[in-house]
Amino acid sequence: MFGEVDHGSINNIVFHLFSLGTCMIVAGMISIVLLKELKLPLRVTRSIASLLSIGVAYVYYQTFF
């Protein structure tokens, strides 16, 4: 789909941004579902899910860049 890309091409950048966004959304959704089972207030659940999503983004960045 993206063809041959070098390290700095725009296709490579778009691919990584799309992948990063997908990982962050999925991590946030999974953590919200799991944290709702703990019967925490919604504000706390959203805050923890956001922090976990940022953590996933950091791990992704460290892994692929």
N, C-alpha and C. Protein backbone atom coordinates (compact mmCIF):
# COMPACT_ATOMS: atom_id res chain seq x y z
N MET A 1 0.82 -1.19 0.00
CA MET A 1 0.00 0.00 0.00
C MET A 1 0.87 1.26 0.00
N PHE A 2 1.95 1.24 0.77
CA PHE A 2 2.80 2.41 0.84
C PHE A 2 4.00 2.31 -0.09
N GLY A 3 4.26 1.14 -0.65
CA GLY A 3 5.39 0.98 -1.55
C GLY A 3 6.72 1.06 -0.83
N GLU A 4 7.76 1.19 -1.61
CA GLU A 4 9.09 1.33 -1.03
C GLU A 4 9.26 2.74 -0.48
N VAL A 5 9.63 2.82 0.79
CA VAL A 5 9.81 4.13 1.41
C VAL A 5 11.17 4.19 2.07
N ASP A 6 11.76 5.37 2.08
CA ASP A 6 12.98 5.55 2.85
C ASP A 6 12.59 6.09 4.22
N HIS A 7 13.57 6.30 5.07
CA HIS A 7 13.29 6.64 6.46
C HIS A 7 12.57 7.97 6.62
N GLY A 8 12.82 8.94 5.78
CA GLY A 8 12.25 10.26 5.96
C GLY A 8 11.10 10.60 5.05
N SER A 9 10.57 9.64 4.32
CA SER A 9 9.53 9.97 3.35
C SER A 9 8.21 10.28 4.04
N ILE A 10 7.37 11.02 3.36
CA ILE A 10 6.08 11.41 3.92
C ILE A 10 5.18 10.20 4.12
N ASN A 11 5.29 9.18 3.26
CA ASN A 11 4.49 7.96 3.43
C ASN A 11 4.85 7.26 4.73
N ASN A 12 6.13 7.23 5.05
CA ASN A 12 6.58 6.60 6.29
C ASN A 12 6.05 7.36 7.50
N ILE A 13 6.07 8.67 7.42
CA ILE A 13 5.58 9.50 8.52
C ILE A 13 4.08 9.31 8.71
N VAL A 14 3.33 9.31 7.62
CA VAL A 14 1.88 9.11 7.69
C VAL A 14 1.57 7.73 8.26
N PHE A 15 2.31 6.72 7.82
CA PHE A 15 2.10 5.37 8.32
C PHE A 15 2.30 5.31 9.83
N HIS A 16 3.39 5.92 10.32
CA HIS A 16 3.66 5.88 11.76
C HIS A 16 2.63 6.69 12.55
N LEU A 17 2.18 7.81 12.03
CA LEU A 17 1.14 8.58 12.72
C LEU A 17 -0.16 7.80 12.79
N PHE A 18 -0.52 7.14 11.71
CA PHE A 18 -1.73 6.32 11.70
C PHE A 18 -1.61 5.16 12.69
N SER A 19 -0.47 4.49 12.69
CA SER A 19 -0.25 3.37 13.60
C SER A 19 -0.26 3.83 15.05
N LEU A 20 0.39 4.95 15.32
CA LEU A 20 0.43 5.48 16.68
C LEU A 20 -0.97 5.86 17.15
N GLY A 21 -1.73 6.52 16.31
CA GLY A 21 -3.10 6.88 16.67
C GLY A 21 -3.96 5.67 16.96
N THR A 22 -3.82 4.65 16.13
CA THR A 22 -4.58 3.42 16.33
C THR A 22 -4.21 2.75 17.65
N CYS A 23 -2.91 2.67 17.93
CA CYS A 23 -2.45 2.06 19.19
C CYS A 23 -2.98 2.83 20.40
N MET A 24 -2.96 4.15 20.33
CA MET A 24 -3.43 4.95 21.46
C MET A 24 -4.93 4.78 21.68
N ILE A 25 -5.69 4.74 20.61
CA ILE A 25 -7.14 4.59 20.74
C ILE A 25 -7.49 3.23 21.30
N VAL A 26 -6.86 2.19 20.79
CA VAL A 26 -7.14 0.83 21.26
C VAL A 26 -6.72 0.69 22.73
N ALA A 27 -5.56 1.21 23.09
CA ALA A 27 -5.12 1.13 24.49
C ALA A 27 -6.08 1.87 25.41
N GLY A 28 -6.55 3.04 24.99
CA GLY A 28 -7.51 3.78 25.79
C GLY A 28 -8.82 3.04 25.96
N MET A 29 -9.31 2.43 24.88
CA MET A 29 -10.58 1.70 24.95
C MET A 29 -10.46 0.48 25.85
N ILE A 30 -9.37 -0.27 25.71
CA ILE A 30 -9.18 -1.46 26.54
C ILE A 30 -9.07 -1.08 28.01
N SER A 31 -8.30 -0.04 28.30
CA SER A 31 -8.12 0.34 29.70
C SER A 31 -9.42 0.87 30.31
N ILE A 32 -10.24 1.58 29.53
CA ILE A 32 -11.52 2.05 30.07
C ILE A 32 -12.42 0.88 30.42
N VAL A 33 -12.47 -0.12 29.55
CA VAL A 33 -13.30 -1.30 29.81
C VAL A 33 -12.82 -2.02 31.06
N LEU A 34 -11.50 -2.20 31.18
CA LEU A 34 -10.98 -2.91 32.35
C LEU A 34 -11.16 -2.10 33.63
N LEU A 35 -10.97 -0.80 33.56
CA LEU A 35 -11.10 0.02 34.76
C LEU A 35 -12.55 0.18 35.21
N LYS A 36 -13.50 0.09 34.29
CA LYS A 36 -14.91 0.17 34.69
C LYS A 36 -15.29 -1.01 35.57
N GLU A 37 -14.62 -2.13 35.39
CA GLU A 37 -14.89 -3.31 36.22
C GLU A 37 -14.49 -3.07 37.67
N LEU A 38 -13.60 -2.13 37.92
CA LEU A 38 -13.16 -1.83 39.29
C LEU A 38 -14.11 -0.87 40.00
N LYS A 39 -15.14 -0.41 39.31
CA LYS A 39 -16.16 0.48 39.86
C LYS A 39 -15.56 1.80 40.36
N LEU A 40 -14.58 2.31 39.64
CA LEU A 40 -14.00 3.61 39.96
C LEU A 40 -14.87 4.71 39.37
N PRO A 41 -14.79 5.92 39.93
CA PRO A 41 -15.52 7.04 39.32
C PRO A 41 -15.06 7.26 37.87
N LEU A 42 -15.96 7.75 37.05
CA LEU A 42 -15.67 7.92 35.63
C LEU A 42 -14.51 8.88 35.40
N ARG A 43 -14.40 9.92 36.20
CA ARG A 43 -13.31 10.89 36.04
C ARG A 43 -11.95 10.21 36.28
N VAL A 44 -11.88 9.36 37.29
CA VAL A 44 -10.63 8.64 37.59
C VAL A 44 -10.32 7.66 36.47
N THR A 45 -11.35 6.96 36.00
CA THR A 45 -11.17 5.98 34.92
C THR A 45 -10.63 6.65 33.67
N ARG A 46 -11.18 7.79 33.31
CA ARG A 46 -10.71 8.50 32.11
C ARG A 46 -9.29 9.00 32.27
N SER A 47 -8.95 9.47 33.46
CA SER A 47 -7.60 9.97 33.70
C SER A 47 -6.57 8.85 33.59
N ILE A 48 -6.87 7.71 34.20
CA ILE A 48 -5.95 6.58 34.12
C ILE A 48 -5.84 6.08 32.69
N ALA A 49 -6.96 6.02 31.97
CA ALA A 49 -6.94 5.58 30.57
C ALA A 49 -6.09 6.52 29.72
N SER A 50 -6.19 7.80 29.97
CA SER A 50 -5.38 8.77 29.22
C SER A 50 -3.89 8.57 29.50
N LEU A 51 -3.54 8.37 30.76
CA LEU A 51 -2.14 8.15 31.11
C LEU A 51 -1.60 6.86 30.48
N LEU A 52 -2.41 5.80 30.49
CA LEU A 52 -1.98 4.56 29.86
C LEU A 52 -1.83 4.73 28.35
N SER A 53 -2.71 5.49 27.75
CA SER A 53 -2.62 5.76 26.32
C SER A 53 -1.34 6.52 25.98
N ILE A 54 -1.00 7.49 26.81
CA ILE A 54 0.26 8.23 26.60
C ILE A 54 1.45 7.30 26.80
N GLY A 55 1.36 6.39 27.76
CA GLY A 55 2.43 5.41 27.97
C GLY A 55 2.63 4.52 26.75
N VAL A 56 1.53 4.10 26.14
CA VAL A 56 1.62 3.28 24.93
C VAL A 56 2.28 4.09 23.81
N ALA A 57 1.92 5.35 23.70
CA ALA A 57 2.53 6.21 22.67
C ALA A 57 4.03 6.33 22.90
N TYR A 58 4.46 6.47 24.14
CA TYR A 58 5.88 6.57 24.45
C TYR A 58 6.62 5.29 24.08
N VAL A 59 6.04 4.15 24.43
CA VAL A 59 6.67 2.86 24.10
C VAL A 59 6.75 2.69 22.59
N TYR A 60 5.69 3.07 21.87
CA TYR A 60 5.70 2.99 20.41
C TYR A 60 6.81 3.86 19.84
N TYR A 61 6.92 5.08 20.34
CA TYR A 61 7.95 6.01 19.86
C TYR A 61 9.35 5.46 20.12
N GLN A 62 9.58 4.91 21.31
CA GLN A 62 10.90 4.37 21.64
C GLN A 62 11.22 3.13 20.81
N THR A 63 10.20 2.39 20.44
CA THR A 63 10.41 1.15 19.69
C THR A 63 10.73 1.42 18.22
N PHE A 64 10.01 2.35 17.60
CA PHE A 64 10.11 2.51 16.16
C PHE A 64 10.88 3.74 15.70
N PHE A 65 11.36 4.58 16.61
CA PHE A 65 12.10 5.76 16.18
C PHE A 65 13.45 5.81 16.79
